[in-house]
N, C-alpha and C. Protein backbone atom coordinates (compact mmCIF):
# COMPACT_ATOMS: atom_id res chain seq x y z
N MET A 1 55.72 -18.55 18.40
CA MET A 1 54.90 -17.38 18.68
C MET A 1 54.17 -17.11 16.93
N LYS A 2 53.71 -16.62 17.37
CA LYS A 2 52.38 -16.26 16.35
C LYS A 2 52.52 -14.56 15.74
N THR A 3 52.80 -14.49 14.28
CA THR A 3 52.74 -13.15 14.18
C THR A 3 52.14 -12.69 13.59
N ILE A 4 52.13 -11.59 12.56
CA ILE A 4 50.90 -11.13 11.61
C ILE A 4 50.69 -11.84 10.55
N SER A 5 52.29 -12.26 10.04
CA SER A 5 52.01 -13.33 9.56
C SER A 5 51.51 -14.57 9.05
N ASN A 6 51.30 -14.94 10.19
CA ASN A 6 50.50 -16.27 10.70
C ASN A 6 48.95 -16.24 10.50
N PHE A 7 48.62 -14.32 10.44
CA PHE A 7 46.99 -14.54 10.43
C PHE A 7 46.49 -13.84 8.95
N ILE A 8 47.82 -13.41 8.22
CA ILE A 8 47.42 -13.25 6.77
C ILE A 8 47.82 -13.77 5.83
N SER A 9 47.80 -15.19 5.85
CA SER A 9 48.90 -15.82 4.82
C SER A 9 47.56 -16.49 3.96
N PRO A 10 48.21 -16.64 2.41
CA PRO A 10 46.89 -16.98 1.49
C PRO A 10 45.78 -18.14 2.29
N SER A 11 45.84 -18.44 2.67
CA SER A 11 45.01 -20.04 3.33
C SER A 11 43.62 -19.40 3.28
N ARG A 12 44.27 -18.80 4.57
CA ARG A 12 43.55 -17.62 5.82
C ARG A 12 42.01 -17.08 4.68
N LEU A 13 43.04 -16.29 4.33
CA LEU A 13 42.87 -15.35 3.28
C LEU A 13 41.31 -16.02 1.85
N LEU A 14 42.04 -16.73 1.53
CA LEU A 14 41.60 -17.27 0.55
C LEU A 14 39.87 -17.38 0.46
N PRO A 15 39.37 -18.04 2.13
CA PRO A 15 37.61 -18.14 1.84
C PRO A 15 36.92 -17.58 2.43
N ALA A 16 37.63 -15.98 2.31
CA ALA A 16 37.26 -14.75 3.05
C ALA A 16 36.81 -14.01 1.95
N ILE A 17 38.15 -14.02 1.06
CA ILE A 17 37.57 -13.08 -0.82
C ILE A 17 36.81 -13.81 -0.90
N PHE A 18 37.05 -15.37 -1.12
CA PHE A 18 35.56 -15.83 -2.12
C PHE A 18 34.36 -15.38 -0.96
N SER A 19 34.52 -15.37 -0.11
CA SER A 19 33.14 -15.29 0.29
C SER A 19 32.50 -13.67 0.46
N ILE A 20 33.67 -13.02 0.34
CA ILE A 20 32.62 -11.46 -0.53
C ILE A 20 32.58 -10.83 -1.30
N ALA A 21 33.02 -11.91 -2.37
CA ALA A 21 32.92 -12.12 -3.84
C ALA A 21 31.86 -12.06 -4.38
N LEU A 22 30.79 -13.15 -3.74
CA LEU A 22 30.18 -13.57 -4.32
C LEU A 22 29.11 -13.11 -3.74
N ILE A 23 28.55 -12.03 -2.52
CA ILE A 23 28.24 -11.72 -2.03
C ILE A 23 26.99 -10.56 -2.75
N PRO A 24 27.36 -9.82 -3.31
CA PRO A 24 27.22 -9.00 -4.44
C PRO A 24 25.95 -9.45 -4.99
N ALA A 25 26.84 -10.53 -6.16
CA ALA A 25 26.12 -10.84 -7.39
C ALA A 25 25.11 -12.04 -6.59
N VAL A 26 24.59 -12.65 -5.52
CA VAL A 26 23.32 -13.22 -5.07
C VAL A 26 22.52 -12.60 -4.50
N HIS A 27 22.67 -11.49 -3.71
CA HIS A 27 21.91 -10.30 -2.53
C HIS A 27 21.38 -9.73 -3.96
N ALA A 28 22.02 -9.12 -5.16
CA ALA A 28 20.93 -8.51 -6.32
C ALA A 28 19.57 -9.29 -6.70
N GLN A 29 20.35 -10.75 -7.10
CA GLN A 29 19.27 -12.16 -7.47
C GLN A 29 18.39 -12.23 -6.67
N SER A 30 18.75 -12.16 -5.63
CA SER A 30 17.56 -11.47 -4.32
C SER A 30 16.61 -10.74 -4.19
N ILE A 31 16.83 -9.83 -4.26
CA ILE A 31 15.84 -8.74 -3.88
C ILE A 31 15.02 -8.72 -5.07
N GLU A 32 15.54 -9.11 -6.18
CA GLU A 32 14.34 -9.49 -6.97
C GLU A 32 13.37 -10.31 -6.70
N LYS A 33 13.60 -11.41 -6.68
CA LYS A 33 12.93 -12.80 -6.38
C LYS A 33 11.84 -12.36 -5.18
N ASN A 34 12.38 -11.66 -4.01
CA ASN A 34 11.73 -11.33 -2.93
C ASN A 34 12.21 -10.19 -2.52
N SER A 35 11.44 -9.97 -0.90
CA SER A 35 11.98 -9.07 -0.02
C SER A 35 12.99 -9.33 0.79
N HIS A 36 13.13 -11.09 1.27
CA HIS A 36 13.43 -11.33 2.42
C HIS A 36 15.14 -11.48 1.54
N PHE A 37 16.19 -10.89 2.50
CA PHE A 37 17.65 -11.64 1.87
C PHE A 37 18.41 -13.13 1.79
N PHE A 38 17.86 -13.62 2.40
CA PHE A 38 17.71 -14.70 2.84
C PHE A 38 16.79 -16.14 2.14
N ASP A 39 17.12 -17.06 1.35
CA ASP A 39 16.07 -17.64 1.03
C ASP A 39 15.73 -18.72 2.27
N THR A 40 16.34 -19.20 3.23
CA THR A 40 16.48 -19.96 4.13
C THR A 40 17.39 -19.39 5.30
N VAL A 41 17.08 -20.18 6.16
CA VAL A 41 17.97 -20.22 7.53
C VAL A 41 17.30 -21.19 8.25
N GLY A 42 18.42 -22.01 8.82
CA GLY A 42 18.24 -23.09 10.19
C GLY A 42 19.40 -23.27 10.77
N MET A 43 19.10 -24.63 10.86
CA MET A 43 20.51 -25.18 12.19
C MET A 43 20.97 -26.48 11.87
N HIS A 44 22.14 -27.59 11.38
CA HIS A 44 22.48 -28.66 11.86
C HIS A 44 22.86 -28.73 13.17
N GLY A 45 22.83 -30.04 13.71
CA GLY A 45 23.52 -30.84 13.93
C GLY A 45 24.02 -32.13 14.46
N GLY A 46 24.57 -32.92 14.52
CA GLY A 46 25.32 -33.80 14.42
C GLY A 46 26.99 -34.74 14.96
N THR A 47 26.86 -35.53 15.05
CA THR A 47 28.56 -36.96 15.19
C THR A 47 29.33 -37.18 13.92
N ASP A 48 30.31 -37.52 14.41
CA ASP A 48 31.74 -37.90 13.39
C ASP A 48 30.58 -39.41 13.03
N ALA A 49 31.01 -39.58 11.92
CA ALA A 49 30.46 -41.10 11.49
C ALA A 49 32.12 -42.28 12.18
N GLU A 50 33.48 -41.72 12.18
CA GLU A 50 34.24 -42.63 12.31
C GLU A 50 34.09 -43.23 13.97
N SER A 51 34.79 -44.39 14.07
CA SER A 51 34.93 -44.51 16.15
C SER A 51 35.31 -44.70 16.26
N ASP A 52 36.74 -44.02 15.85
CA ASP A 52 37.92 -44.03 16.87
C ASP A 52 38.00 -41.86 17.76
N ILE A 53 37.09 -41.70 17.28
CA ILE A 53 37.25 -40.22 17.52
C ILE A 53 35.89 -39.54 17.64
N SER A 54 35.63 -38.99 18.81
CA SER A 54 33.95 -38.44 19.13
C SER A 54 34.46 -37.43 18.52
N ILE A 55 33.85 -36.13 17.60
CA ILE A 55 33.05 -35.16 17.09
C ILE A 55 31.99 -34.89 16.83
N GLU A 56 31.78 -33.59 17.96
CA GLU A 56 30.17 -33.06 17.85
C GLU A 56 30.45 -31.93 16.40
N ASN A 57 29.14 -31.49 15.64
CA ASN A 57 29.23 -30.73 14.67
C ASN A 57 27.78 -29.74 15.06
N TYR A 58 28.13 -28.65 14.59
CA TYR A 58 27.01 -27.81 15.62
C TYR A 58 27.08 -26.39 14.43
N GLU A 59 25.79 -26.21 13.32
CA GLU A 59 26.46 -24.91 13.06
C GLU A 59 25.24 -24.31 12.86
N VAL A 60 25.27 -22.77 11.90
CA VAL A 60 23.39 -22.16 11.87
C VAL A 60 24.17 -21.99 10.17
N PHE A 61 23.49 -21.94 9.12
CA PHE A 61 23.29 -21.78 8.26
C PHE A 61 21.81 -20.53 7.29
N ALA A 62 22.44 -20.01 5.79
CA ALA A 62 22.09 -19.66 5.56
C ALA A 62 21.68 -20.17 3.69
N THR A 63 20.34 -20.25 3.58
CA THR A 63 20.87 -20.19 1.32
C THR A 63 19.90 -18.79 1.39
N VAL A 64 20.59 -18.70 -0.02
CA VAL A 64 20.17 -17.39 -0.72
C VAL A 64 19.71 -18.09 -2.33
N SER A 65 18.63 -17.74 -2.67
CA SER A 65 17.88 -18.41 -3.77
C SER A 65 19.31 -17.58 -5.14
N THR A 66 18.81 -17.75 -6.17
CA THR A 66 18.76 -17.42 -7.63
C THR A 66 18.44 -17.42 -8.52
N HIS A 67 18.33 -17.35 -9.57
CA HIS A 67 17.55 -16.84 -10.92
C HIS A 67 17.54 -18.43 -11.72
N HIS A 68 18.55 -19.55 -10.71
CA HIS A 68 18.65 -20.53 -11.91
C HIS A 68 17.82 -21.97 -11.69
N VAL A 69 16.53 -22.18 -12.48
CA VAL A 69 15.83 -23.54 -11.84
C VAL A 69 15.85 -23.98 -13.15
N TRP A 70 16.05 -25.47 -13.11
CA TRP A 70 15.90 -25.95 -14.62
C TRP A 70 14.82 -26.57 -14.23
N LYS A 71 13.41 -26.93 -15.13
CA LYS A 71 12.31 -28.13 -15.08
C LYS A 71 12.72 -28.79 -15.56
N LEU A 72 12.84 -30.00 -14.82
CA LEU A 72 12.69 -31.82 -15.29
C LEU A 72 11.80 -32.11 -15.73
N GLY A 73 10.66 -31.88 -15.53
CA GLY A 73 8.91 -32.46 -16.22
C GLY A 73 7.94 -31.42 -15.62
N GLU A 74 7.35 -31.70 -15.57
CA GLU A 74 5.65 -30.61 -15.26
C GLU A 74 6.08 -30.58 -13.51
N GLN A 75 6.09 -31.54 -13.09
CA GLN A 75 6.34 -30.98 -11.22
C GLN A 75 7.82 -31.00 -11.01
N THR A 76 9.02 -31.38 -11.76
CA THR A 76 10.27 -31.38 -11.38
C THR A 76 11.21 -30.59 -11.16
N LYS A 77 11.81 -30.20 -10.24
CA LYS A 77 12.94 -28.88 -10.83
C LYS A 77 14.44 -29.37 -10.41
N LEU A 78 14.94 -28.30 -10.70
CA LEU A 78 16.45 -28.43 -10.04
C LEU A 78 16.93 -26.87 -9.46
N THR A 79 17.00 -26.44 -8.44
CA THR A 79 17.51 -25.17 -8.03
C THR A 79 18.48 -25.15 -7.59
N LEU A 80 19.28 -24.08 -8.10
CA LEU A 80 21.23 -23.74 -7.74
C LEU A 80 20.37 -22.03 -6.59
N LYS A 81 20.89 -22.78 -5.58
CA LYS A 81 21.43 -21.50 -4.34
C LYS A 81 22.59 -22.00 -4.21
N PHE A 82 22.67 -20.48 -3.43
CA PHE A 82 24.12 -20.15 -2.33
C PHE A 82 24.01 -20.29 -1.06
N GLU A 83 25.19 -21.54 0.07
CA GLU A 83 24.88 -21.31 0.96
C GLU A 83 26.08 -21.10 1.79
N GLY A 84 25.22 -20.14 3.23
CA GLY A 84 26.77 -20.44 4.08
C GLY A 84 26.56 -20.59 5.79
N ALA A 85 27.39 -20.55 5.80
CA ALA A 85 27.03 -21.40 7.27
C ALA A 85 28.42 -21.11 8.02
N VAL A 86 28.55 -20.81 9.91
CA VAL A 86 28.75 -20.71 10.34
C VAL A 86 28.96 -21.77 11.78
N GLY A 87 30.09 -22.35 12.40
CA GLY A 87 29.82 -23.50 12.88
C GLY A 87 30.77 -24.09 13.74
N ALA A 88 30.93 -25.45 14.12
CA ALA A 88 31.88 -25.77 15.05
C ALA A 88 31.79 -27.10 15.48
N LEU A 89 33.50 -27.55 15.37
CA LEU A 89 33.83 -28.52 15.50
C LEU A 89 33.88 -29.08 16.99
N ILE A 90 33.75 -29.87 17.45
CA ILE A 90 34.11 -30.18 19.29
C ILE A 90 34.42 -31.80 19.98
N ASN A 91 35.18 -31.34 20.40
CA ASN A 91 35.35 -32.62 21.46
C ASN A 91 35.74 -32.51 22.32
N GLU A 92 36.26 -33.61 23.46
CA GLU A 92 36.40 -33.24 24.98
C GLU A 92 37.62 -32.31 24.47
N ASP A 93 38.78 -32.74 24.03
CA ASP A 93 39.94 -31.33 24.50
C ASP A 93 39.50 -29.77 23.11
N ASP A 94 39.34 -30.26 21.82
CA ASP A 94 39.45 -29.44 21.49
C ASP A 94 38.28 -28.95 20.80
N THR A 95 38.39 -27.19 20.45
CA THR A 95 37.47 -27.03 19.31
C THR A 95 37.32 -25.84 18.33
N ALA A 96 37.05 -26.46 16.95
CA ALA A 96 37.36 -25.31 16.17
C ALA A 96 35.99 -24.85 15.79
N ILE A 97 36.42 -23.41 15.15
CA ILE A 97 35.05 -22.64 14.53
C ILE A 97 35.43 -22.48 13.33
N TYR A 98 34.56 -22.68 12.89
CA TYR A 98 34.58 -23.04 10.82
C TYR A 98 33.69 -21.80 9.83
N ALA A 99 34.30 -21.37 9.14
CA ALA A 99 32.99 -20.47 8.40
C ALA A 99 33.19 -21.36 6.90
N ARG A 100 32.04 -21.25 6.55
CA ARG A 100 32.07 -21.86 4.55
C ARG A 100 30.46 -21.28 3.66
N ILE A 101 31.29 -21.67 2.93
CA ILE A 101 30.08 -21.10 1.65
C ILE A 101 30.23 -21.92 0.19
N GLY A 102 28.80 -21.69 -0.44
CA GLY A 102 29.15 -22.96 -1.50
C GLY A 102 27.90 -22.97 -2.27
N PRO A 103 27.99 -23.48 -3.37
CA PRO A 103 26.66 -23.51 -3.81
C PRO A 103 26.04 -24.69 -3.58
N GLN A 104 24.63 -24.94 -3.34
CA GLN A 104 23.77 -26.00 -3.18
C GLN A 104 22.54 -26.04 -4.59
N LEU A 105 22.53 -27.61 -4.35
CA LEU A 105 21.58 -27.93 -5.49
C LEU A 105 20.57 -29.03 -4.51
N VAL A 106 19.41 -28.38 -5.57
CA VAL A 106 18.25 -28.72 -4.41
C VAL A 106 17.17 -29.24 -5.92
N LEU A 107 16.98 -30.77 -5.68
CA LEU A 107 16.08 -31.31 -6.30
C LEU A 107 14.78 -32.04 -5.73
N SER A 108 13.69 -31.15 -6.46
CA SER A 108 12.50 -30.44 -5.43
C SER A 108 11.43 -31.39 -6.66
N SER A 109 10.32 -31.60 -6.06
CA SER A 109 8.77 -32.19 -6.87
C SER A 109 8.04 -31.30 -6.23
N ASP A 110 6.88 -30.56 -6.78
CA ASP A 110 5.74 -30.71 -6.34
C ASP A 110 5.08 -31.49 -5.84
N ALA A 111 4.56 -32.84 -5.80
CA ALA A 111 3.68 -34.10 -6.01
C ALA A 111 4.65 -34.80 -4.67
N LEU A 112 5.86 -34.30 -3.89
CA LEU A 112 6.37 -35.02 -2.79
C LEU A 112 7.09 -34.46 -2.18
N PRO A 113 6.94 -34.41 -1.12
CA PRO A 113 6.99 -33.25 0.41
C PRO A 113 8.74 -33.32 0.43
N LEU A 114 9.87 -34.50 -0.39
CA LEU A 114 11.14 -34.17 -0.12
C LEU A 114 11.84 -33.28 -1.01
N SER A 115 13.04 -33.59 -0.64
CA SER A 115 13.79 -32.58 -1.48
C SER A 115 14.98 -33.33 -1.38
N LEU A 116 15.97 -33.69 -2.24
CA LEU A 116 17.40 -34.19 -2.38
C LEU A 116 18.10 -32.65 -2.61
N VAL A 117 19.32 -33.14 -1.35
CA VAL A 117 19.98 -31.65 -1.50
C VAL A 117 21.88 -32.06 -1.34
N ALA A 118 22.75 -31.01 -2.40
CA ALA A 118 24.23 -31.23 -2.34
C ALA A 118 24.08 -30.12 -2.18
N SER A 119 25.58 -30.24 -1.70
CA SER A 119 26.62 -28.81 -1.45
C SER A 119 28.07 -29.45 -1.40
N SER A 120 28.67 -28.26 -1.59
CA SER A 120 30.33 -28.56 -1.94
C SER A 120 30.86 -27.23 -1.86
N GLY A 121 31.47 -26.83 -0.73
CA GLY A 121 32.87 -25.49 -1.20
C GLY A 121 33.34 -25.08 -0.39
N PRO A 122 34.49 -23.99 -0.16
CA PRO A 122 35.34 -23.96 0.39
C PRO A 122 35.03 -23.47 2.27
N ALA A 123 35.80 -23.70 3.01
CA ALA A 123 35.39 -23.97 4.71
C ALA A 123 36.73 -23.62 5.27
N TYR A 124 37.23 -22.62 6.43
CA TYR A 124 37.97 -22.19 7.07
C TYR A 124 37.44 -22.98 8.17
N LEU A 125 38.98 -23.70 9.43
CA LEU A 125 38.79 -23.79 10.25
C LEU A 125 39.58 -23.37 11.15
N THR A 126 39.78 -22.74 12.21
CA THR A 126 40.47 -22.40 13.28
C THR A 126 41.23 -23.55 13.62
N ASP A 127 41.22 -24.19 14.10
CA ASP A 127 42.08 -25.40 13.88
C ASP A 127 42.01 -26.60 13.86
N HIS A 128 42.51 -27.25 13.11
CA HIS A 128 42.07 -28.65 12.39
C HIS A 128 42.90 -29.83 12.99
N THR A 129 43.76 -29.95 14.72
CA THR A 129 43.28 -30.72 15.15
C THR A 129 42.64 -31.64 16.38
N PHE A 130 42.58 -33.13 16.53
CA PHE A 130 41.36 -33.19 17.61
C PHE A 130 41.71 -34.34 17.23
N GLU A 131 42.18 -34.35 18.94
CA GLU A 131 43.55 -35.59 19.65
C GLU A 131 43.72 -36.55 18.49
N ASN A 132 44.02 -37.76 18.08
CA ASN A 132 45.18 -38.13 16.74
C ASN A 132 44.56 -37.88 15.45
N LEU A 133 43.50 -37.20 15.33
CA LEU A 133 43.07 -36.71 14.08
C LEU A 133 43.69 -35.11 13.73
N ASP A 134 44.31 -35.35 12.24
CA ASP A 134 45.25 -34.06 11.65
C ASP A 134 44.53 -33.90 10.57
N LEU A 135 44.03 -32.97 10.17
CA LEU A 135 42.96 -32.66 9.15
C LEU A 135 43.66 -32.23 7.96
N GLY A 136 44.68 -31.50 8.32
CA GLY A 136 46.34 -31.39 7.58
C GLY A 136 46.01 -30.05 7.75
N GLY A 137 45.26 -29.09 7.73
CA GLY A 137 45.64 -27.37 7.61
C GLY A 137 43.92 -26.68 8.27
N GLY A 138 44.02 -25.44 7.83
CA GLY A 138 42.34 -25.13 8.23
C GLY A 138 42.12 -25.16 6.73
N PHE A 139 42.29 -24.81 5.69
CA PHE A 139 41.51 -24.56 4.90
C PHE A 139 40.72 -25.80 3.84
N GLN A 140 39.89 -26.14 4.31
CA GLN A 140 39.21 -27.45 3.66
C GLN A 140 38.30 -27.70 2.41
N PHE A 141 37.50 -28.51 2.35
CA PHE A 141 35.84 -28.16 1.25
C PHE A 141 35.18 -29.35 2.36
N ILE A 142 33.88 -29.13 2.91
CA ILE A 142 33.17 -29.28 3.40
C ILE A 142 31.88 -29.84 1.69
N SER A 143 31.62 -30.88 1.63
CA SER A 143 30.68 -31.49 0.78
C SER A 143 29.55 -31.79 2.05
N SER A 144 28.16 -31.80 1.21
CA SER A 144 27.14 -32.94 1.63
C SER A 144 25.93 -32.86 0.99
N ILE A 145 25.41 -34.43 1.24
CA ILE A 145 24.20 -34.73 0.18
C ILE A 145 23.53 -34.73 1.63
N GLY A 146 21.85 -34.65 0.76
CA GLY A 146 21.00 -35.53 2.03
C GLY A 146 19.12 -35.31 1.37
N PHE A 147 18.72 -35.03 2.47
CA PHE A 147 17.04 -34.62 2.27
C PHE A 147 16.92 -33.70 2.76
N ASP A 148 15.08 -32.66 2.33
CA ASP A 148 14.95 -32.33 3.52
C ASP A 148 13.54 -32.69 3.03
N TRP A 149 12.76 -32.57 4.27
CA TRP A 149 11.27 -33.15 4.44
C TRP A 149 10.95 -31.74 4.88
N GLU A 150 9.40 -31.47 4.17
CA GLU A 150 8.83 -30.03 4.28
C GLU A 150 7.57 -30.07 4.76
N ILE A 151 7.82 -29.50 6.09
CA ILE A 151 6.81 -30.21 7.22
C ILE A 151 5.25 -29.43 6.78
N ASN A 152 5.55 -28.02 6.84
CA ASN A 152 5.03 -27.10 5.42
C ASN A 152 4.94 -25.66 5.05
N ASP A 153 4.70 -24.87 5.37
CA ASP A 153 4.95 -24.07 3.82
C ASP A 153 6.64 -23.24 4.39
N HIS A 154 6.87 -23.56 5.14
CA HIS A 154 7.74 -22.29 6.17
C HIS A 154 9.01 -23.77 6.65
N TRP A 155 8.62 -24.85 7.51
CA TRP A 155 9.89 -25.54 7.94
C TRP A 155 9.69 -26.84 7.42
N SER A 156 11.42 -26.82 7.51
CA SER A 156 12.10 -28.59 7.15
C SER A 156 12.35 -29.24 8.11
N LEU A 157 12.82 -30.58 7.84
CA LEU A 157 13.49 -31.48 9.24
C LEU A 157 14.31 -32.15 7.99
N GLY A 158 15.97 -31.96 7.81
CA GLY A 158 16.21 -32.72 7.09
C GLY A 158 17.65 -33.01 8.22
N TYR A 159 18.53 -34.46 7.15
CA TYR A 159 19.30 -35.61 7.05
C TYR A 159 20.51 -34.96 5.96
N ARG A 160 22.08 -34.42 6.90
CA ARG A 160 22.83 -34.16 5.77
C ARG A 160 24.25 -35.33 6.29
N TRP A 161 24.84 -36.31 5.02
CA TRP A 161 25.89 -36.60 5.30
C TRP A 161 27.21 -35.42 4.98
N ASN A 162 28.08 -35.46 5.81
CA ASN A 162 29.22 -34.62 5.25
C ASN A 162 30.52 -35.23 5.04
N HIS A 163 31.14 -34.21 4.60
CA HIS A 163 32.47 -35.01 4.46
C HIS A 163 33.27 -33.73 4.18
N ILE A 164 34.21 -33.92 4.67
CA ILE A 164 35.39 -32.35 5.50
C ILE A 164 36.68 -33.28 4.95
N SER A 165 37.07 -32.24 3.76
CA SER A 165 38.96 -32.88 3.40
C SER A 165 39.05 -31.54 2.84
N ASN A 166 40.57 -31.64 2.22
CA ASN A 166 40.96 -30.53 2.02
C ASN A 166 41.77 -30.76 0.77
N ALA A 167 41.47 -31.68 0.05
CA ALA A 167 41.20 -32.43 -1.61
C ALA A 167 42.99 -32.53 -1.66
N GLY A 168 43.88 -32.74 -0.84
CA GLY A 168 45.70 -32.68 -0.80
C GLY A 168 46.07 -31.61 -1.82
N ILE A 169 45.65 -30.71 -0.43
CA ILE A 169 46.60 -29.59 -0.78
C ILE A 169 47.34 -29.73 0.66
N HIS A 170 46.86 -29.98 1.83
CA HIS A 170 47.38 -29.90 2.79
C HIS A 170 48.80 -31.77 2.95
N ASP A 171 49.66 -31.67 3.80
CA ASP A 171 50.41 -32.58 3.35
C ASP A 171 49.28 -34.18 4.04
N GLU A 172 48.68 -34.16 5.69
CA GLU A 172 48.31 -34.92 5.88
C GLU A 172 46.62 -34.26 5.17
N ASN A 173 45.59 -35.43 4.74
CA ASN A 173 44.36 -35.15 4.27
C ASN A 173 43.22 -36.49 4.42
N PRO A 174 43.09 -36.84 5.95
CA PRO A 174 42.30 -37.85 5.92
C PRO A 174 41.40 -38.17 6.12
N GLY A 175 40.55 -37.15 6.33
CA GLY A 175 38.99 -36.46 5.89
C GLY A 175 38.13 -36.67 7.07
N LEU A 176 36.46 -36.45 7.14
CA LEU A 176 36.30 -36.33 8.89
C LEU A 176 34.68 -36.39 7.73
N ASN A 177 33.90 -37.58 8.17
CA ASN A 177 32.56 -38.04 7.81
C ASN A 177 31.69 -37.25 8.79
N LEU A 178 30.45 -36.92 8.82
CA LEU A 178 29.79 -36.57 9.83
C LEU A 178 28.20 -36.73 9.54
N HIS A 179 27.29 -37.36 10.26
CA HIS A 179 25.89 -37.29 10.17
C HIS A 179 25.15 -35.82 11.57
N THR A 180 24.51 -35.46 10.46
CA THR A 180 23.60 -34.53 11.12
C THR A 180 22.60 -34.45 10.87
N ILE A 181 21.47 -34.05 11.52
CA ILE A 181 20.35 -33.41 11.43
C ILE A 181 20.21 -32.07 11.48
N GLY A 182 19.09 -31.41 11.09
CA GLY A 182 18.98 -30.47 11.32
C GLY A 182 17.56 -29.54 10.77
N PHE A 183 16.74 -28.27 11.52
CA PHE A 183 15.91 -28.08 10.82
C PHE A 183 15.62 -26.09 10.19
N SER A 184 14.57 -26.06 9.43
CA SER A 184 15.25 -24.88 8.64
C SER A 184 13.39 -23.71 8.86
N TYR A 185 14.04 -22.84 8.08
CA TYR A 185 12.46 -22.01 8.15
C TYR A 185 13.08 -21.62 6.70
N GLN A 186 12.16 -21.67 5.81
CA GLN A 186 11.83 -20.87 4.80
C GLN A 186 10.91 -19.78 4.52
N PHE A 187 11.25 -18.34 4.10
CA PHE A 187 10.62 -17.55 3.46
C PHE A 187 9.64 -17.27 2.71
């Protein structure tokens, strides 16, 4: 039987507290830059990279720019953003809803329509077991690396390789790798 202490455990509260603490700092910086709170909004969808289990992944995400931009040459820059997402991991019998937030680094060049994108941050999953895969617990870290192809001034198409792991904070830590594609709209 689930009690109130199951829902108010540190592993459930930590991602929410972390997310709420970042909102005022990120919001203040983004309002100075433009009239939109979000820099980019979009969605990703994909499947696991493992052959012994079938999990699909869908999420909606948004990024918020910061004033941290490092010039690495005349046309190349590295930009720090914050990314948040809400998504689902789905297989035949189980569905886990998750929320994640974390920093994102974008390496881009004015000479190319491609950007290299990397992010990592804490996430909370409502369920951590899928058939014979037990991720160990609800608190996880989701890291990704990939690229975005800028189709025009507003639309991009992208690919991400995602890794979900609890970094050893739970007894079980098999990890899960996913391939996702997505599209986004930049304001």
